[in-house]
Amino acid sequence: MCVGTYLPFQTTYYLNGHNFMEIEL
């Protein structure tokens, strides 16, 4: 999760569907 420290404090999230599948299995 990337968070900018100045207003408007935009955030960017990086995730992967394979990680979710691994937990489900």
PDB file of all heavy atoms in Angstrom:
ATOM      1  N   MET A   1       0.853  -1.182   0.000  1.00  0.00           N
ATOM      2  CA  MET A   1       0.000   0.000   0.000  1.00  0.00           C
ATOM      3  C   MET A   1       0.888   1.230   0.000  1.00  0.00           C
ATOM      4  O   MET A   1       1.730   1.398   0.878  1.00  0.00           O
ATOM      5  CB  MET A   1      -0.904  -0.033   1.241  1.00  0.00           C
ATOM      6  CG  MET A   1      -1.708   1.208   1.501  1.00  0.00           C
ATOM      7  SD  MET A   1      -2.706   0.993   3.008  1.00  0.00           S
ATOM      8  CE  MET A   1      -3.280   2.667   3.246  1.00  0.00           C
ATOM      9  N   CYS A   2       0.738   2.081  -1.000  1.00  0.00           N
ATOM     10  CA  CYS A   2       1.522   3.306  -1.122  1.00  0.00           C
ATOM     11  C   CYS A   2       0.646   4.494  -0.735  1.00  0.00           C
ATOM     12  O   CYS A   2      -0.446   4.673  -1.291  1.00  0.00           O
ATOM     13  CB  CYS A   2       2.047   3.464  -2.546  1.00  0.00           C
ATOM     14  SG  CYS A   2       2.919   5.013  -2.836  1.00  0.00           S
ATOM     15  N   VAL A   3       1.124   5.316   0.208  1.00  0.00           N
ATOM     16  CA  VAL A   3       0.359   6.459   0.707  1.00  0.00           C
ATOM     17  C   VAL A   3       1.162   7.730   0.486  1.00  0.00           C
ATOM     18  O   VAL A   3       2.317   7.824   0.927  1.00  0.00           O
ATOM     19  CB  VAL A   3       0.022   6.303   2.203  1.00  0.00           C
ATOM     20  CG1 VAL A   3      -0.844   7.465   2.677  1.00  0.00           C
ATOM     21  CG2 VAL A   3      -0.667   4.986   2.473  1.00  0.00           C
ATOM     22  N   GLY A   4       0.562   8.712  -0.191  1.00  0.00           N
ATOM     23  CA  GLY A   4       1.195  10.014  -0.338  1.00  0.00           C
ATOM     24  C   GLY A   4       1.054  10.806   0.948  1.00  0.00           C
ATOM     25  O   GLY A   4       0.013  10.780   1.604  1.00  0.00           O
ATOM     26  N   THR A   5       2.097  11.543   1.336  1.00  0.00           N
ATOM     27  CA  THR A   5       2.087  12.236   2.623  1.00  0.00           C
ATOM     28  C   THR A   5       1.533  13.656   2.535  1.00  0.00           C
ATOM     29  O   THR A   5       1.478  14.344   3.553  1.00  0.00           O
ATOM     30  CB  THR A   5       3.509  12.279   3.199  1.00  0.00           C
ATOM     31  OG1 THR A   5       4.387  12.917   2.253  1.00  0.00           O
ATOM     32  CG2 THR A   5       4.021  10.883   3.493  1.00  0.00           C
ATOM     33  N   TYR A   6       1.127  14.100   1.357  1.00  0.00           N
ATOM     34  CA  TYR A   6       0.528  15.425   1.200  1.00  0.00           C
ATOM     35  C   TYR A   6      -0.916  15.283   0.754  1.00  0.00           C
ATOM     36  O   TYR A   6      -1.284  14.300   0.093  1.00  0.00           O
ATOM     37  CB  TYR A   6       1.301  16.258   0.174  1.00  0.00           C
ATOM     38  CG  TYR A   6       2.537  16.935   0.724  1.00  0.00           C
ATOM     39  CD1 TYR A   6       3.720  16.226   0.895  1.00  0.00           C
ATOM     40  CD2 TYR A   6       2.516  18.281   1.082  1.00  0.00           C
ATOM     41  CE1 TYR A   6       4.853  16.847   1.406  1.00  0.00           C
ATOM     42  CE2 TYR A   6       3.648  18.909   1.594  1.00  0.00           C
ATOM     43  CZ  TYR A   6       4.808  18.182   1.745  1.00  0.00           C
ATOM     44  OH  TYR A   6       5.935  18.783   2.263  1.00  0.00           O
ATOM     45  N   LEU A   7      -1.727  16.249   1.137  1.00  0.00           N
ATOM     46  CA  LEU A   7      -3.099  16.270   0.646  1.00  0.00           C
ATOM     47  C   LEU A   7      -3.092  16.203  -0.877  1.00  0.00           C
ATOM     48  O   LEU A   7      -2.246  16.838  -1.513  1.00  0.00           O
ATOM     49  CB  LEU A   7      -3.795  17.566   1.099  1.00  0.00           C
ATOM     50  CG  LEU A   7      -4.277  17.587   2.546  1.00  0.00           C
ATOM     51  CD1 LEU A   7      -4.580  19.030   2.970  1.00  0.00           C
ATOM     52  CD2 LEU A   7      -5.519  16.725   2.715  1.00  0.00           C
ATOM     53  N   PRO A   8      -4.007  15.397  -1.484  1.00  0.00           N
ATOM     54  CA  PRO A   8      -5.211  14.753  -0.939  1.00  0.00           C
ATOM     55  C   PRO A   8      -4.989  13.331  -0.419  1.00  0.00           C
ATOM     56  O   PRO A   8      -5.943  12.566  -0.339  1.00  0.00           O
ATOM     57  CB  PRO A   8      -6.147  14.740  -2.137  1.00  0.00           C
ATOM     58  CG  PRO A   8      -5.230  14.567  -3.307  1.00  0.00           C
ATOM     59  CD  PRO A   8      -3.975  15.318  -2.960  1.00  0.00           C
ATOM     60  N   PHE A   9      -3.747  12.954  -0.060  1.00  0.00           N
ATOM     61  CA  PHE A   9      -3.443  11.662   0.541  1.00  0.00           C
ATOM     62  C   PHE A   9      -3.939  10.492  -0.318  1.00  0.00           C
ATOM     63  O   PHE A   9      -4.635   9.598   0.154  1.00  0.00           O
ATOM     64  CB  PHE A   9      -4.049  11.557   1.942  1.00  0.00           C
ATOM     65  CG  PHE A   9      -3.558  12.598   2.900  1.00  0.00           C
ATOM     66  CD1 PHE A   9      -4.453  13.379   3.603  1.00  0.00           C
ATOM     67  CD2 PHE A   9      -2.199  12.810   3.085  1.00  0.00           C
ATOM     68  CE1 PHE A   9      -4.005  14.355   4.493  1.00  0.00           C
ATOM     69  CE2 PHE A   9      -1.743  13.780   3.978  1.00  0.00           C
ATOM     70  CZ  PHE A   9      -2.666  14.554   4.681  1.00  0.00           C
ATOM     71  N   GLN A  10      -3.559  10.515  -1.591  1.00  0.00           N
ATOM     72  CA  GLN A  10      -3.943   9.410  -2.474  1.00  0.00           C
ATOM     73  C   GLN A  10      -3.208   8.141  -2.083  1.00  0.00           C
ATOM     74  O   GLN A  10      -2.048   8.179  -1.666  1.00  0.00           O
ATOM     75  CB  GLN A  10      -3.645   9.754  -3.935  1.00  0.00           C
ATOM     76  CG  GLN A  10      -4.643  10.722  -4.534  1.00  0.00           C
ATOM     77  CD  GLN A  10      -4.525  10.829  -6.036  1.00  0.00           C
ATOM     78  OE1 GLN A  10      -3.576  10.328  -6.622  1.00  0.00           O
ATOM     79  NE2 GLN A  10      -5.478  11.474  -6.670  1.00  0.00           N
ATOM     80  N   THR A  11      -3.882   7.023  -2.225  1.00  0.00           N
ATOM     81  CA  THR A  11      -3.293   5.723  -1.892  1.00  0.00           C
ATOM     82  C   THR A  11      -3.351   4.811  -3.114  1.00  0.00           C
ATOM     83  O   THR A  11      -4.286   4.891  -3.913  1.00  0.00           O
ATOM     84  CB  THR A  11      -4.042   5.063  -0.729  1.00  0.00           C
ATOM     85  OG1 THR A  11      -5.440   4.993  -1.041  1.00  0.00           O
ATOM     86  CG2 THR A  11      -3.866   5.843   0.560  1.00  0.00           C
ATOM     87  N   THR A  12      -2.353   3.958  -3.239  1.00  0.00           N
ATOM     88  CA  THR A  12      -2.308   2.975  -4.319  1.00  0.00           C
ATOM     89  C   THR A  12      -2.025   1.616  -3.705  1.00  0.00           C
ATOM     90  O   THR A  12      -1.143   1.484  -2.857  1.00  0.00           O
ATOM     91  CB  THR A  12      -1.212   3.327  -5.341  1.00  0.00           C
ATOM     92  OG1 THR A  12      -1.376   4.680  -5.772  1.00  0.00           O
ATOM     93  CG2 THR A  12      -1.296   2.412  -6.552  1.00  0.00           C
ATOM     94  N   TYR A  13      -2.789   0.615  -4.132  1.00  0.00           N
ATOM     95  CA  TYR A  13      -2.695  -0.727  -3.569  1.00  0.00           C
ATOM     96  C   TYR A  13      -2.249  -1.695  -4.666  1.00  0.00           C
ATOM     97  O   TYR A  13      -2.761  -1.654  -5.795  1.00  0.00           O
ATOM     98  CB  TYR A  13      -4.041  -1.180  -3.005  1.00  0.00           C
ATOM     99  CG  TYR A  13      -4.702  -0.172  -2.103  1.00  0.00           C
ATOM    100  CD1 TYR A  13      -5.471   0.857  -2.630  1.00  0.00           C
ATOM    101  CD2 TYR A  13      -4.567  -0.237  -0.722  1.00  0.00           C
ATOM    102  CE1 TYR A  13      -6.086   1.798  -1.821  1.00  0.00           C
ATOM    103  CE2 TYR A  13      -5.177   0.693   0.104  1.00  0.00           C
ATOM    104  CZ  TYR A  13      -5.932   1.705  -0.456  1.00  0.00           C
ATOM    105  OH  TYR A  13      -6.541   2.632   0.365  1.00  0.00           O
ATOM    106  N   TYR A  14      -1.314  -2.578  -4.314  1.00  0.00           N
ATOM    107  CA  TYR A  14      -0.804  -3.581  -5.242  1.00  0.00           C
ATOM    108  C   TYR A  14      -1.088  -4.964  -4.642  1.00  0.00           C
ATOM    109  O   TYR A  14      -0.566  -5.291  -3.573  1.00  0.00           O
ATOM    110  CB  TYR A  14       0.700  -3.408  -5.457  1.00  0.00           C
ATOM    111  CG  TYR A  14       1.106  -2.029  -5.939  1.00  0.00           C
ATOM    112  CD1 TYR A  14       1.324  -0.994  -5.037  1.00  0.00           C
ATOM    113  CD2 TYR A  14       1.260  -1.761  -7.292  1.00  0.00           C
ATOM    114  CE1 TYR A  14       1.690   0.272  -5.464  1.00  0.00           C
ATOM    115  CE2 TYR A  14       1.633  -0.495  -7.735  1.00  0.00           C
ATOM    116  CZ  TYR A  14       1.845   0.512  -6.821  1.00  0.00           C
ATOM    117  OH  TYR A  14       2.208   1.772  -7.254  1.00  0.00           O
ATOM    118  N   LEU A  15      -1.903  -5.751  -5.330  1.00  0.00           N
ATOM    119  CA  LEU A  15      -2.216  -7.094  -4.845  1.00  0.00           C
ATOM    120  C   LEU A  15      -2.197  -8.077  -5.998  1.00  0.00           C
ATOM    121  O   LEU A  15      -2.129  -7.685  -7.172  1.00  0.00           O
ATOM    122  CB  LEU A  15      -3.555  -7.128  -4.115  1.00  0.00           C
ATOM    123  CG  LEU A  15      -4.772  -6.537  -4.824  1.00  0.00           C
ATOM    124  CD1 LEU A  15      -6.011  -7.349  -4.518  1.00  0.00           C
ATOM    125  CD2 LEU A  15      -5.014  -5.104  -4.339  1.00  0.00           C
ATOM    126  N   ASN A  16      -2.282  -9.364  -5.672  1.00  0.00           N
ATOM    127  CA  ASN A  16      -2.193 -10.418  -6.674  1.00  0.00           C
ATOM    128  C   ASN A  16      -3.251 -11.471  -6.394  1.00  0.00           C
ATOM    129  O   ASN A  16      -3.390 -11.934  -5.257  1.00  0.00           O
ATOM    130  CB  ASN A  16      -0.798 -11.053  -6.660  1.00  0.00           C
ATOM    131  CG  ASN A  16      -0.519 -11.874  -7.894  1.00  0.00           C
ATOM    132  OD1 ASN A  16      -1.201 -12.857  -8.166  1.00  0.00           O
ATOM    133  ND2 ASN A  16       0.480 -11.472  -8.659  1.00  0.00           N
ATOM    134  N   GLY A  17      -4.007 -11.847  -7.438  1.00  0.00           N
ATOM    135  CA  GLY A  17      -5.064 -12.831  -7.268  1.00  0.00           C
ATOM    136  C   GLY A  17      -4.557 -14.194  -6.845  1.00  0.00           C
ATOM    137  O   GLY A  17      -5.270 -14.948  -6.173  1.00  0.00           O
ATOM    138  N   HIS A  18      -3.328 -14.550  -7.206  1.00  0.00           N
ATOM    139  CA  HIS A  18      -2.774 -15.846  -6.826  1.00  0.00           C
ATOM    140  C   HIS A  18      -2.581 -15.971  -5.314  1.00  0.00           C
ATOM    141  O   HIS A  18      -2.722 -17.064  -4.758  1.00  0.00           O
ATOM    142  CB  HIS A  18      -1.441 -16.084  -7.540  1.00  0.00           C
ATOM    143  CG  HIS A  18      -1.596 -16.406  -9.001  1.00  0.00           C
ATOM    144  ND1 HIS A  18      -1.709 -15.444  -9.964  1.00  0.00           N
ATOM    145  CD2 HIS A  18      -1.683 -17.607  -9.644  1.00  0.00           C
ATOM    146  CE1 HIS A  18      -1.831 -16.012 -11.144  1.00  0.00           C
ATOM    147  NE2 HIS A  18      -1.820 -17.320 -10.987  1.00  0.00           N
ATOM    148  N   ASN A  19      -2.271 -14.861  -4.642  1.00  0.00           N
ATOM    149  CA  ASN A  19      -2.127 -14.903  -3.191  1.00  0.00           C
ATOM    150  C   ASN A  19      -3.454 -15.200  -2.509  1.00  0.00           C
ATOM    151  O   ASN A  19      -3.514 -15.941  -1.529  1.00  0.00           O
ATOM    152  CB  ASN A  19      -1.556 -13.575  -2.692  1.00  0.00           C
ATOM    153  CG  ASN A  19      -0.167 -13.295  -3.228  1.00  0.00           C
ATOM    154  OD1 ASN A  19       0.572 -14.219  -3.554  1.00  0.00           O
ATOM    155  ND2 ASN A  19       0.199 -12.028  -3.319  1.00  0.00           N
ATOM    156  N   PHE A  20      -4.526 -14.600  -3.017  1.00  0.00           N
ATOM    157  CA  PHE A  20      -5.857 -14.889  -2.476  1.00  0.00           C
ATOM    158  C   PHE A  20      -6.233 -16.348  -2.683  1.00  0.00           C
ATOM    159  O   PHE A  20      -6.762 -17.011  -1.777  1.00  0.00           O
ATOM    160  CB  PHE A  20      -6.887 -13.976  -3.147  1.00  0.00           C
ATOM    161  CG  PHE A  20      -8.304 -14.346  -2.874  1.00  0.00           C
ATOM    162  CD1 PHE A  20      -8.898 -14.017  -1.662  1.00  0.00           C
ATOM    163  CD2 PHE A  20      -9.056 -15.037  -3.814  1.00  0.00           C
ATOM    164  CE1 PHE A  20     -10.218 -14.373  -1.398  1.00  0.00           C
ATOM    165  CE2 PHE A  20     -10.368 -15.389  -3.559  1.00  0.00           C
ATOM    166  CZ  PHE A  20     -10.948 -15.056  -2.349  1.00  0.00           C
ATOM    167  N   MET A  21      -5.952 -16.888  -3.864  1.00  0.00           N
ATOM    168  CA  MET A  21      -6.267 -18.283  -4.154  1.00  0.00           C
ATOM    169  C   MET A  21      -5.492 -19.231  -3.240  1.00  0.00           C
ATOM    170  O   MET A  21      -6.025 -20.261  -2.800  1.00  0.00           O
ATOM    171  CB  MET A  21      -5.962 -18.577  -5.623  1.00  0.00           C
ATOM    172  CG  MET A  21      -6.842 -17.804  -6.603  1.00  0.00           C
ATOM    173  SD  MET A  21      -6.150 -17.763  -8.274  1.00  0.00           S
ATOM    174  CE  MET A  21      -6.132 -19.500  -8.665  1.00  0.00           C
ATOM    175  N   GLU A  22      -4.250 -18.893  -2.966  1.00  0.00           N
ATOM    176  CA  GLU A  22      -3.430 -19.732  -2.081  1.00  0.00           C
ATOM    177  C   GLU A  22      -4.062 -19.843  -0.696  1.00  0.00           C
ATOM    178  O   GLU A  22      -4.135 -20.949  -0.125  1.00  0.00           O
ATOM    179  CB  GLU A  22      -2.025 -19.134  -1.976  1.00  0.00           C
ATOM    180  CG  GLU A  22      -1.089 -19.902  -1.060  1.00  0.00           C
ATOM    181  CD  GLU A  22       0.283 -19.273  -0.976  1.00  0.00           C
ATOM    182  OE1 GLU A  22       0.514 -18.253  -1.657  1.00  0.00           O
ATOM    183  OE2 GLU A  22       1.121 -19.803  -0.221  1.00  0.00           O
ATOM    184  N   ILE A  23      -4.538 -18.726  -0.151  1.00  0.00           N
ATOM    185  CA  ILE A  23      -5.160 -18.750   1.174  1.00  0.00           C
ATOM    186  C   ILE A  23      -6.456 -19.551   1.152  1.00  0.00           C
ATOM    187  O   ILE A  23      -6.748 -20.327   2.076  1.00  0.00           O
ATOM    188  CB  ILE A  23      -5.407 -17.306   1.650  1.00  0.00           C
ATOM    189  CG1 ILE A  23      -4.072 -16.619   1.908  1.00  0.00           C
ATOM    190  CG2 ILE A  23      -6.272 -17.276   2.909  1.00  0.00           C
ATOM    191  CD1 ILE A  23      -4.182 -15.166   2.299  1.00  0.00           C
ATOM    192  N   GLU A  24      -7.241 -19.398   0.083  1.00  0.00           N
ATOM    193  CA  GLU A  24      -8.497 -20.148  -0.026  1.00  0.00           C
ATOM    194  C   GLU A  24      -8.241 -21.651  -0.052  1.00  0.00           C
ATOM    195  O   GLU A  24      -8.936 -22.422   0.617  1.00  0.00           O
ATOM    196  CB  GLU A  24      -9.251 -19.715  -1.290  1.00  0.00           C
ATOM    197  CG  GLU A  24      -9.907 -18.358  -1.194  1.00  0.00           C
ATOM    198  CD  GLU A  24     -11.061 -18.357  -0.220  1.00  0.00           C
ATOM    199  OE1 GLU A  24     -11.888 -19.285  -0.270  1.00  0.00           O
ATOM    200  OE2 GLU A  24     -11.123 -17.430   0.624  1.00  0.00           O
ATOM    201  N   LEU A  25      -7.254 -22.089  -0.817  1.00  0.00           N
ATOM    202  CA  LEU A  25      -6.959 -23.518  -0.907  1.00  0.00           C
ATOM    203  C   LEU A  25      -6.438 -24.068   0.423  1.00  0.00           C
ATOM    204  O   LEU A  25      -6.769 -25.195   0.801  1.00  0.00           O
ATOM    205  CB  LEU A  25      -5.947 -23.775  -2.021  1.00  0.00           C
ATOM    206  CG  LEU A  25      -6.431 -23.516  -3.455  1.00  0.00           C
ATOM    207  CD1 LEU A  25      -5.320 -23.810  -4.449  1.00  0.00           C
ATOM    208  CD2 LEU A  25      -7.657 -24.353  -3.791  1.00  0.00           C
TER     209      LEU A  25
END
